[in-house]
N, C-alpha and C. Protein backbone atom coordinates (compact mmCIF):
# COMPACT_ATOMS: atom_id res chain seq x y z
N MET A 1 105.33 132.19 94.96
CA MET A 1 105.87 130.81 94.24
C MET A 1 105.87 131.26 92.62
N GLU A 2 107.05 131.25 92.35
CA GLU A 2 107.27 131.26 90.97
C GLU A 2 106.97 129.66 89.98
N ASN A 3 106.57 129.94 89.03
CA ASN A 3 105.79 128.83 88.13
C ASN A 3 107.40 128.14 87.26
N GLU A 4 107.20 126.86 87.73
CA GLU A 4 108.78 126.07 87.65
C GLU A 4 108.10 125.00 86.27
N SER A 5 107.07 124.86 85.95
CA SER A 5 106.58 124.12 84.64
C SER A 5 106.84 124.98 83.36
N SER A 6 107.04 124.56 82.38
CA SER A 6 107.00 125.24 81.12
C SER A 6 105.55 125.24 80.44
N VAL A 7 104.59 125.55 81.19
CA VAL A 7 103.73 125.85 81.16
C VAL A 7 103.17 127.66 80.88
N THR A 8 102.71 128.14 79.84
CA THR A 8 102.98 129.59 80.05
C THR A 8 101.38 130.14 80.24
N PRO A 9 101.10 130.92 80.92
CA PRO A 9 99.98 131.73 81.02
C PRO A 9 99.21 132.58 80.14
N THR A 10 98.44 132.35 79.79
CA THR A 10 97.59 133.20 78.68
C THR A 10 96.84 134.48 78.72
N GLY A 11 96.70 134.56 80.21
CA GLY A 11 95.85 135.70 80.11
C GLY A 11 94.41 136.03 79.66
N GLY A 12 93.86 135.05 79.06
CA GLY A 12 92.64 134.73 78.53
C GLY A 12 91.77 134.27 79.49
N ASP A 13 90.38 134.08 78.66
CA ASP A 13 89.28 133.91 79.60
C ASP A 13 89.60 132.27 80.26
N GLY A 14 90.14 131.55 79.59
CA GLY A 14 90.68 129.96 80.50
C GLY A 14 91.06 130.26 81.67
N ASP A 15 91.75 131.09 81.56
CA ASP A 15 92.36 131.16 83.22
C ASP A 15 91.66 131.25 84.61
N ALA A 16 90.51 131.48 84.28
CA ALA A 16 89.20 131.78 85.59
C ALA A 16 88.86 130.21 85.53
N ASP A 17 88.64 129.65 84.46
CA ASP A 17 88.33 127.85 84.28
C ASP A 17 89.89 127.13 85.30
N PHE A 18 90.94 127.65 84.90
CA PHE A 18 92.42 126.98 84.92
C PHE A 18 92.68 127.22 86.60
N LEU A 19 92.02 127.99 87.06
CA LEU A 19 92.50 128.73 88.40
C LEU A 19 91.39 127.54 89.33
N ALA A 20 90.11 127.82 88.84
CA ALA A 20 89.26 126.89 89.54
C ALA A 20 89.05 125.42 89.20
N LEU A 21 89.90 124.81 88.39
CA LEU A 21 90.20 123.65 88.86
C LEU A 21 91.27 123.14 89.71
N HIS A 22 92.13 124.15 89.88
CA HIS A 22 93.36 124.07 91.08
C HIS A 22 92.32 124.15 92.22
N ALA A 23 91.53 125.11 92.47
CA ALA A 23 91.05 125.30 93.55
C ALA A 23 90.21 123.95 94.15
N ARG A 24 89.40 123.41 93.11
CA ARG A 24 88.65 122.32 93.27
C ARG A 24 89.68 121.01 93.48
N ARG A 25 90.86 121.26 93.16
CA ARG A 25 91.82 120.16 93.64
C ARG A 25 92.21 120.41 94.97
N GLU A 26 92.28 121.59 95.25
CA GLU A 26 92.48 121.69 96.57
C GLU A 26 91.86 121.55 98.01
N ASP A 27 90.55 121.76 97.10
CA ASP A 27 89.11 121.12 98.17
C ASP A 27 89.24 119.80 98.49
N LEU A 28 89.62 119.10 97.08
CA LEU A 28 89.31 117.62 97.21
C LEU A 28 90.66 116.72 98.02
N GLU A 29 91.73 117.74 97.80
CA GLU A 29 92.90 117.42 98.64
C GLU A 29 92.44 117.12 100.04
N LEU A 30 92.07 118.50 100.84
CA LEU A 30 91.81 118.53 101.77
C LEU A 30 90.46 117.79 102.47
N GLU A 31 89.34 117.41 101.79
CA GLU A 31 88.60 116.92 102.27
C GLU A 31 89.13 114.92 102.02
N LEU A 32 90.04 114.94 101.35
CA LEU A 32 90.69 113.48 101.25
C LEU A 32 91.33 113.38 102.30
N THR A 33 92.29 114.32 102.71
CA THR A 33 92.79 114.28 104.30
C THR A 33 91.65 114.00 105.11
N ARG A 34 90.81 114.46 105.53
CA ARG A 34 90.05 114.47 106.37
C ARG A 34 89.40 113.17 106.30
N ALA A 35 88.65 112.58 105.25
CA ALA A 35 88.41 111.43 105.08
C ALA A 35 89.42 110.21 105.33
N GLU A 36 90.54 110.41 105.02
CA GLU A 36 91.56 109.51 105.80
C GLU A 36 91.78 109.58 106.80
N GLN A 37 91.66 110.72 108.04
CA GLN A 37 91.59 110.74 109.24
C GLN A 37 90.89 109.99 109.93
N ARG A 38 89.67 110.19 109.43
CA ARG A 38 88.21 109.66 109.93
C ARG A 38 88.43 108.02 109.61
N ARG A 39 88.92 107.71 108.41
CA ARG A 39 89.19 106.16 108.43
C ARG A 39 90.12 105.73 109.28
N GLN A 40 91.37 106.49 109.26
CA GLN A 40 92.61 105.45 110.36
C GLN A 40 91.97 105.81 111.72
N PHE A 41 91.52 107.03 112.12
CA PHE A 41 91.72 107.32 113.38
C PHE A 41 90.05 106.79 114.20
N GLY A 42 89.17 106.35 113.34
CA GLY A 42 87.86 106.54 113.84
C GLY A 42 87.50 105.49 114.79
N THR A 43 86.58 105.47 115.75
CA THR A 43 86.20 104.64 116.70
C THR A 43 84.92 103.78 116.19
N ASP A 44 84.12 104.32 115.48
CA ASP A 44 82.43 104.11 115.29
C ASP A 44 83.03 103.28 113.91
N PRO A 45 82.55 101.86 114.14
CA PRO A 45 83.18 100.79 112.81
C PRO A 45 82.15 101.45 111.40
N ASP A 46 81.15 102.07 111.98
CA ASP A 46 79.98 102.63 110.47
C ASP A 46 80.99 103.67 110.23
N GLU A 47 81.32 104.44 111.10
CA GLU A 47 81.74 106.16 110.47
C GLU A 47 83.18 105.55 109.72
N VAL A 48 83.87 104.58 110.08
CA VAL A 48 85.14 104.17 109.58
C VAL A 48 84.71 103.80 108.12
N ALA A 49 83.55 102.99 108.24
CA ALA A 49 83.27 102.22 106.83
C ALA A 49 82.65 103.60 105.75
N LYS A 50 82.20 104.33 106.38
CA LYS A 50 81.61 105.61 105.76
C LYS A 50 82.97 106.28 104.80
N ALA A 51 83.79 106.34 105.89
CA ALA A 51 85.05 107.35 105.52
C ALA A 51 85.97 106.66 104.44
N ALA A 52 85.73 104.96 104.62
CA ALA A 52 86.59 104.52 103.26
C ALA A 52 86.02 104.86 102.19
N GLU A 53 84.27 104.66 102.46
CA GLU A 53 83.81 104.64 101.05
C GLU A 53 84.08 106.58 100.65
N ASP A 54 83.94 107.44 101.10
CA ASP A 54 84.33 108.78 100.79
C ASP A 54 85.20 108.94 100.59
N GLU A 55 86.49 108.01 100.99
CA GLU A 55 87.69 108.30 100.39
C GLU A 55 88.19 108.03 98.84
N ARG A 56 87.31 106.59 98.77
CA ARG A 56 87.15 105.78 97.39
C ARG A 56 86.69 106.90 96.25
N ALA A 57 85.78 107.57 96.30
CA ALA A 57 84.87 108.75 95.77
C ALA A 57 85.63 109.80 95.69
N LEU A 58 86.42 110.23 96.96
CA LEU A 58 86.88 111.38 96.43
C LEU A 58 87.86 111.12 95.52
N LEU A 59 89.01 109.79 95.85
CA LEU A 59 90.14 109.54 94.78
C LEU A 59 89.73 109.64 93.67
N ALA A 60 88.71 109.25 93.45
CA ALA A 60 87.96 109.17 91.74
C ALA A 60 87.74 110.40 91.39
N GLU A 61 87.05 111.19 92.23
CA GLU A 61 86.95 112.47 91.67
C GLU A 61 88.62 113.62 91.75
N LEU A 62 89.08 113.49 92.45
CA LEU A 62 90.56 113.95 92.56
C LEU A 62 90.76 113.16 91.02
N ASP A 63 90.97 112.30 90.72
CA ASP A 63 91.85 111.71 89.48
C ASP A 63 91.59 112.37 88.32
N ALA A 64 89.75 112.50 87.86
CA ALA A 64 89.22 113.28 87.14
C ALA A 64 89.69 114.52 86.67
N VAL A 65 89.72 115.43 87.87
CA VAL A 65 89.96 116.84 88.29
C VAL A 65 91.70 116.80 87.49
N MET A 66 92.57 115.96 88.04
CA MET A 66 93.56 115.99 87.79
C MET A 66 94.01 116.10 86.24
N THR A 67 93.09 115.34 85.74
CA THR A 67 93.06 114.76 84.09
C THR A 67 92.79 115.69 83.42
N LEU A 68 91.63 116.83 84.10
CA LEU A 68 91.45 117.89 83.33
C LEU A 68 92.70 119.19 83.63
N ILE A 69 93.39 119.25 84.48
CA ILE A 69 94.16 120.02 84.73
C ILE A 69 95.43 119.81 83.86
N ARG A 70 95.93 118.44 83.51
CA ARG A 70 96.49 117.95 82.93
C ARG A 70 96.47 118.72 81.42
N GLY A 71 95.36 118.27 80.93
CA GLY A 71 94.83 118.66 79.46
C GLY A 71 94.81 120.19 79.34
N ALA A 72 94.25 120.56 80.42
CA ALA A 72 94.37 122.17 80.25
C ALA A 72 95.97 123.12 80.58
N GLU A 73 96.82 122.38 81.05
CA GLU A 73 98.53 122.70 80.97
C GLU A 73 98.58 122.62 79.88
N TYR A 74 98.60 121.45 79.10
CA TYR A 74 99.03 121.18 77.57
C TYR A 74 98.67 122.13 76.75
N GLN A 75 97.14 122.51 76.89
CA GLN A 75 96.54 123.54 75.95
C GLN A 75 97.20 124.84 76.08
N ARG A 76 98.04 125.28 77.20
CA ARG A 76 98.41 126.43 77.56
C ARG A 76 99.85 126.57 77.49
N MET A 77 100.56 125.57 76.75
CA MET A 77 101.71 125.65 76.42
C MET A 77 101.70 126.08 74.70
N PRO A 78 102.89 126.77 74.54
CA PRO A 78 103.20 127.41 73.33
C PRO A 78 102.87 126.25 72.46
N GLY A 79 102.43 126.48 71.10
CA GLY A 79 102.11 125.25 70.03
C GLY A 79 101.53 124.23 70.31
N ALA A 80 100.70 124.30 71.13
CA ALA A 80 100.09 123.02 71.60
C ALA A 80 98.97 122.64 70.42
N ARG A 81 98.67 121.38 70.12
CA ARG A 81 97.66 121.08 69.24
C ARG A 81 96.56 120.96 69.72
N ARG A 82 95.76 121.46 69.19
CA ARG A 82 94.31 121.46 69.35
C ARG A 82 93.24 120.47 68.44
N TRP A 83 92.70 119.73 69.01
CA TRP A 83 91.85 118.80 68.23
C TRP A 83 90.65 118.62 68.38
């Protein structure tokens, strides 16, 4: 798949961290899908409640990871400001 964004790969040490963030995002999205399915299709009320709690926690963590990814993507852009 081609890079469709204006983000330029740096080839530096930050690549491993950048790729690790995306791997964590993928893991969270999979866990989130499973929690959502448990919540929607569960038959045990306790399990459904637990799945809803898991879903909320995973969404919060996914939001944090996405924020880190957005920051990392910005830093990888040519001429990005470092503060």
